[in-house]
Amino acid sequence: ILPALSLDGLVHIDICEGAYRRKSFKQFLCDLLNEMNPFLGPNSVIILDNVAIHKHHSIINMVK
């Protein structure tokens, strides 16, 4: 289970059987960013932990 939360509660959630890989995590981020689109701006923050897939250049470019 991979949730995305805001101060107001749940923004987006995804359930994946097994571990998230780069492809499934990128899809999660794409869906999340679409949900955030009306509010995405300079005050938006996405916090990722130190998992290896979070450090891949394609993931970093998505959240910049």
N, C-alpha and C. Protein backbone atom coordinates (compact mmCIF):
# COMPACT_ATOMS: atom_id res chain seq x y z
N ILE A 1 0.86 -1.17 0.00
CA ILE A 1 0.00 0.00 0.00
C ILE A 1 0.90 1.23 0.00
N LEU A 2 0.63 2.14 -0.93
CA LEU A 2 1.41 3.37 -1.03
C LEU A 2 0.45 4.56 -1.00
N PRO A 3 0.40 5.27 0.14
CA PRO A 3 -0.49 6.42 0.23
C PRO A 3 0.27 7.73 0.01
N ALA A 4 -0.44 8.74 -0.42
CA ALA A 4 0.06 10.12 -0.46
C ALA A 4 -0.89 10.95 0.39
N LEU A 5 -0.33 11.65 1.35
CA LEU A 5 -1.14 12.39 2.31
C LEU A 5 -0.88 13.88 2.23
N SER A 6 -1.87 14.65 2.60
CA SER A 6 -1.71 16.09 2.77
C SER A 6 -2.17 16.42 4.18
N LEU A 7 -2.11 17.68 4.53
CA LEU A 7 -2.61 18.08 5.84
C LEU A 7 -4.11 17.84 5.96
N ASP A 8 -4.79 17.75 4.82
CA ASP A 8 -6.23 17.52 4.81
C ASP A 8 -6.62 16.06 4.73
N GLY A 9 -5.64 15.16 4.60
CA GLY A 9 -5.94 13.74 4.53
C GLY A 9 -5.37 13.07 3.30
N LEU A 10 -5.99 11.99 2.90
CA LEU A 10 -5.53 11.16 1.79
C LEU A 10 -5.70 11.88 0.46
N VAL A 11 -4.62 11.94 -0.33
CA VAL A 11 -4.66 12.55 -1.66
C VAL A 11 -4.76 11.48 -2.73
N HIS A 12 -3.96 10.42 -2.57
CA HIS A 12 -3.94 9.35 -3.57
C HIS A 12 -3.43 8.08 -2.87
N ILE A 13 -3.86 6.94 -3.36
CA ILE A 13 -3.40 5.67 -2.80
C ILE A 13 -3.27 4.65 -3.92
N ASP A 14 -2.31 3.76 -3.78
CA ASP A 14 -2.12 2.68 -4.75
C ASP A 14 -1.77 1.41 -3.98
N ILE A 15 -2.21 0.30 -4.51
CA ILE A 15 -1.90 -1.01 -3.92
C ILE A 15 -1.19 -1.82 -4.99
N CYS A 16 -0.04 -2.35 -4.63
CA CYS A 16 0.79 -3.10 -5.57
C CYS A 16 1.15 -4.43 -4.92
N GLU A 17 0.97 -5.51 -5.65
CA GLU A 17 1.38 -6.82 -5.13
C GLU A 17 2.90 -6.92 -5.27
N GLY A 18 3.58 -7.20 -4.19
CA GLY A 18 5.04 -7.26 -4.20
C GLY A 18 5.62 -5.87 -4.01
N ALA A 19 6.88 -5.74 -4.35
CA ALA A 19 7.59 -4.47 -4.16
C ALA A 19 7.32 -3.52 -5.33
N TYR A 20 7.37 -2.23 -5.03
CA TYR A 20 7.29 -1.24 -6.10
C TYR A 20 8.62 -1.21 -6.83
N ARG A 21 8.54 -1.20 -8.12
CA ARG A 21 9.71 -1.05 -8.98
C ARG A 21 9.59 0.32 -9.63
N ARG A 22 10.62 0.70 -10.37
CA ARG A 22 10.63 2.03 -10.97
C ARG A 22 9.37 2.28 -11.82
N LYS A 23 8.98 1.32 -12.65
CA LYS A 23 7.82 1.52 -13.53
C LYS A 23 6.53 1.74 -12.72
N SER A 24 6.31 0.90 -11.72
CA SER A 24 5.08 1.04 -10.93
C SER A 24 5.10 2.30 -10.07
N PHE A 25 6.29 2.69 -9.58
CA PHE A 25 6.38 3.91 -8.79
C PHE A 25 6.20 5.14 -9.67
N LYS A 26 6.74 5.11 -10.90
CA LYS A 26 6.54 6.22 -11.83
C LYS A 26 5.05 6.39 -12.15
N GLN A 27 4.34 5.28 -12.30
CA GLN A 27 2.90 5.37 -12.56
C GLN A 27 2.18 5.97 -11.37
N PHE A 28 2.58 5.56 -10.16
CA PHE A 28 2.01 6.14 -8.95
C PHE A 28 2.23 7.65 -8.93
N LEU A 29 3.47 8.08 -9.21
CA LEU A 29 3.77 9.51 -9.21
C LEU A 29 2.98 10.26 -10.27
N CYS A 30 2.86 9.67 -11.44
CA CYS A 30 2.09 10.29 -12.52
C CYS A 30 0.64 10.49 -12.08
N ASP A 31 0.05 9.46 -11.49
CA ASP A 31 -1.33 9.56 -11.00
C ASP A 31 -1.44 10.59 -9.87
N LEU A 32 -0.46 10.59 -8.97
CA LEU A 32 -0.45 11.55 -7.87
C LEU A 32 -0.35 12.98 -8.39
N LEU A 33 0.56 13.22 -9.32
CA LEU A 33 0.73 14.57 -9.86
C LEU A 33 -0.52 15.04 -10.59
N ASN A 34 -1.23 14.11 -11.25
CA ASN A 34 -2.50 14.48 -11.87
C ASN A 34 -3.53 14.88 -10.82
N GLU A 35 -3.53 14.18 -9.69
CA GLU A 35 -4.44 14.54 -8.59
C GLU A 35 -4.08 15.91 -8.00
N MET A 36 -2.77 16.18 -7.92
CA MET A 36 -2.29 17.43 -7.33
C MET A 36 -2.34 18.60 -8.30
N ASN A 37 -2.53 18.33 -9.58
CA ASN A 37 -2.40 19.35 -10.62
C ASN A 37 -3.08 20.68 -10.31
N PRO A 38 -4.31 20.71 -9.80
CA PRO A 38 -4.92 22.01 -9.53
C PRO A 38 -4.18 22.82 -8.47
N PHE A 39 -3.42 22.13 -7.62
CA PHE A 39 -2.78 22.80 -6.49
C PHE A 39 -1.26 22.85 -6.61
N LEU A 40 -0.71 22.14 -7.58
CA LEU A 40 0.74 22.06 -7.71
C LEU A 40 1.33 23.44 -7.93
N GLY A 41 2.29 23.79 -7.15
CA GLY A 41 2.90 25.10 -7.28
C GLY A 41 4.13 25.21 -6.42
N PRO A 42 4.64 26.42 -6.25
CA PRO A 42 5.88 26.60 -5.50
C PRO A 42 5.80 26.18 -4.04
N ASN A 43 4.62 26.11 -3.48
CA ASN A 43 4.49 25.70 -2.07
C ASN A 43 4.16 24.22 -1.91
N SER A 44 4.15 23.47 -3.00
CA SER A 44 3.89 22.03 -2.93
C SER A 44 5.19 21.29 -2.63
N VAL A 45 5.10 20.29 -1.78
CA VAL A 45 6.28 19.51 -1.38
C VAL A 45 5.93 18.03 -1.48
N ILE A 46 6.80 17.28 -2.12
CA ILE A 46 6.68 15.82 -2.14
C ILE A 46 7.88 15.28 -1.39
N ILE A 47 7.63 14.51 -0.35
CA ILE A 47 8.71 13.96 0.48
C ILE A 47 8.87 12.49 0.15
N LEU A 48 10.09 12.11 -0.21
CA LEU A 48 10.42 10.71 -0.51
C LEU A 48 11.49 10.26 0.47
N ASP A 49 11.46 8.99 0.84
CA ASP A 49 12.51 8.49 1.72
C ASP A 49 13.73 8.11 0.87
N ASN A 50 14.62 7.35 1.41
CA ASN A 50 15.92 7.10 0.79
C ASN A 50 15.97 5.80 -0.02
N VAL A 51 14.83 5.29 -0.46
CA VAL A 51 14.79 4.07 -1.27
C VAL A 51 15.49 4.33 -2.60
N ALA A 52 16.18 3.34 -3.14
CA ALA A 52 16.97 3.50 -4.36
C ALA A 52 16.16 4.02 -5.54
N ILE A 53 14.91 3.56 -5.72
CA ILE A 53 14.14 4.02 -6.88
C ILE A 53 13.81 5.51 -6.79
N HIS A 54 13.79 6.07 -5.60
CA HIS A 54 13.52 7.50 -5.45
C HIS A 54 14.68 8.34 -5.95
N LYS A 55 15.87 7.76 -6.07
CA LYS A 55 17.07 8.49 -6.49
C LYS A 55 17.31 8.44 -7.99
N HIS A 56 16.52 7.67 -8.72
CA HIS A 56 16.72 7.55 -10.17
C HIS A 56 16.39 8.88 -10.84
N HIS A 57 17.18 9.24 -11.85
CA HIS A 57 17.01 10.55 -12.50
C HIS A 57 15.61 10.75 -13.07
N SER A 58 14.97 9.69 -13.55
CA SER A 58 13.63 9.85 -14.12
C SER A 58 12.60 10.20 -13.04
N ILE A 59 12.79 9.65 -11.84
CA ILE A 59 11.89 9.96 -10.72
C ILE A 59 12.14 11.39 -10.24
N ILE A 60 13.41 11.74 -10.09
CA ILE A 60 13.77 13.09 -9.64
C ILE A 60 13.21 14.13 -10.60
N ASN A 61 13.33 13.88 -11.90
CA ASN A 61 12.82 14.83 -12.89
C ASN A 61 11.30 14.98 -12.81
N MET A 62 10.60 13.93 -12.45
CA MET A 62 9.14 14.01 -12.35
C MET A 62 8.69 14.93 -11.23
N VAL A 63 9.44 14.95 -10.13
CA VAL A 63 9.00 15.72 -8.96
C VAL A 63 9.65 17.09 -8.85
N LYS A 64 10.50 17.44 -9.79
CA LYS A 64 11.12 18.78 -9.75
C LYS A 64 10.12 19.84 -10.08
